Amino acid sequence: MYVASLPDILRGKVWAYSDEARRKSKRQKDLSDIMRLVEAHPELRSQLPLQIASQLD
């Protein structure tokens, strides 16, 4: 059975958050998910776009 890797999950969350057509509440949840992933796995922070990384500080 195949499962998504952490970098793949993060990439998907970044893509979803970056989609301006998504509802604001969904985008806020995506940002929260990104924050939780980076808190649990700090090595993923380097893979974030600067715009999103700056919002996590």
C-alpha atoms as a PDB file:
ATOM      1  CA  MET A   1       0.000   0.000   0.000  1.00  0.00           C
ATOM      2  CA  TYR A   2       1.320   3.437  -0.932  1.00  0.00           C
ATOM      3  CA  VAL A   3       0.912   6.468   1.297  1.00  0.00           C
ATOM      4  CA  ALA A   4       1.791  10.106   0.677  1.00  0.00           C
ATOM      5  CA  SER A   5       5.129  11.309   2.026  1.00  0.00           C
ATOM      6  CA  LEU A   6       5.280  14.336   4.331  1.00  0.00           C
ATOM      7  CA  PRO A   7       6.792  16.555   1.599  1.00  0.00           C
ATOM      8  CA  ASP A   8       3.961  15.515  -0.746  1.00  0.00           C
ATOM      9  CA  ILE A   9       1.327  16.342   1.880  1.00  0.00           C
ATOM     10  CA  LEU A  10       2.956  19.702   2.531  1.00  0.00           C
ATOM     11  CA  ARG A  11       3.085  20.461  -1.196  1.00  0.00           C
ATOM     12  CA  GLY A  12      -0.626  19.664  -1.497  1.00  0.00           C
ATOM     13  CA  LYS A  13      -1.490  21.905   1.445  1.00  0.00           C
ATOM     14  CA  VAL A  14       0.594  24.749  -0.014  1.00  0.00           C
ATOM     15  CA  TRP A  15      -1.167  24.320  -3.344  1.00  0.00           C
ATOM     16  CA  ALA A  16      -4.593  24.316  -1.678  1.00  0.00           C
ATOM     17  CA  TYR A  17      -3.767  27.383   0.428  1.00  0.00           C
ATOM     18  CA  SER A  18      -2.491  29.234  -2.642  1.00  0.00           C
ATOM     19  CA  ASP A  19      -5.737  28.644  -4.554  1.00  0.00           C
ATOM     20  CA  GLU A  20      -7.554  31.991  -4.383  1.00  0.00           C
ATOM     21  CA  ALA A  21     -10.785  30.344  -5.590  1.00  0.00           C
ATOM     22  CA  ARG A  22     -11.088  28.271  -2.389  1.00  0.00           C
ATOM     23  CA  ARG A  23     -13.294  29.516   0.421  1.00  0.00           C
ATOM     24  CA  LYS A  24     -11.435  31.620   2.959  1.00  0.00           C
ATOM     25  CA  SER A  25     -12.331  29.197   5.765  1.00  0.00           C
ATOM     26  CA  LYS A  26     -10.818  26.282   3.813  1.00  0.00           C
ATOM     27  CA  ARG A  27      -7.660  28.273   3.098  1.00  0.00           C
ATOM     28  CA  GLN A  28      -7.344  29.123   6.800  1.00  0.00           C
ATOM     29  CA  LYS A  29      -7.604  25.409   7.641  1.00  0.00           C
ATOM     30  CA  ASP A  30      -4.900  24.657   5.049  1.00  0.00           C
ATOM     31  CA  LEU A  31      -2.630  27.244   6.679  1.00  0.00           C
ATOM     32  CA  SER A  32      -3.285  25.662  10.088  1.00  0.00           C
ATOM     33  CA  ASP A  33      -2.437  22.241   8.668  1.00  0.00           C
ATOM     34  CA  ILE A  34       0.800  23.647   7.219  1.00  0.00           C
ATOM     35  CA  MET A  35       1.653  25.155  10.592  1.00  0.00           C
ATOM     36  CA  ARG A  36       1.074  21.838  12.383  1.00  0.00           C
ATOM     37  CA  LEU A  37       3.195  19.938   9.860  1.00  0.00           C
ATOM     38  CA  VAL A  38       6.092  22.383  10.207  1.00  0.00           C
ATOM     39  CA  GLU A  39       5.854  22.399  14.016  1.00  0.00           C
ATOM     40  CA  ALA A  40       6.038  18.602  14.100  1.00  0.00           C
ATOM     41  CA  HIS A  41       8.681  18.378  11.338  1.00  0.00           C
ATOM     42  CA  PRO A  42      10.805  21.576  11.303  1.00  0.00           C
ATOM     43  CA  GLU A  43      12.924  20.252   8.424  1.00  0.00           C
ATOM     44  CA  LEU A  44       9.928  20.851   6.117  1.00  0.00           C
ATOM     45  CA  ARG A  45      10.033  24.620   6.684  1.00  0.00           C
ATOM     46  CA  SER A  46      12.708  25.044   4.026  1.00  0.00           C
ATOM     47  CA  GLN A  47      10.231  23.745   1.429  1.00  0.00           C
ATOM     48  CA  LEU A  48       7.700  26.507   2.082  1.00  0.00           C
ATOM     49  CA  PRO A  49       7.333  29.517  -0.202  1.00  0.00           C
ATOM     50  CA  LEU A  50       8.551  32.693   1.530  1.00  0.00           C
ATOM     51  CA  GLN A  51       5.060  34.192   1.539  1.00  0.00           C
ATOM     52  CA  ILE A  52       3.703  31.305   3.588  1.00  0.00           C
ATOM     53  CA  ALA A  53       6.782  30.885   5.806  1.00  0.00           C
ATOM     54  CA  SER A  54       6.550  34.551   6.836  1.00  0.00           C
ATOM     55  CA  GLN A  55       2.955  34.023   8.012  1.00  0.00           C
ATOM     56  CA  LEU A  56       4.035  31.270  10.386  1.00  0.00           C
ATOM     57  CA  ASP A  57       6.319  33.519  12.452  1.00  0.00           C
END
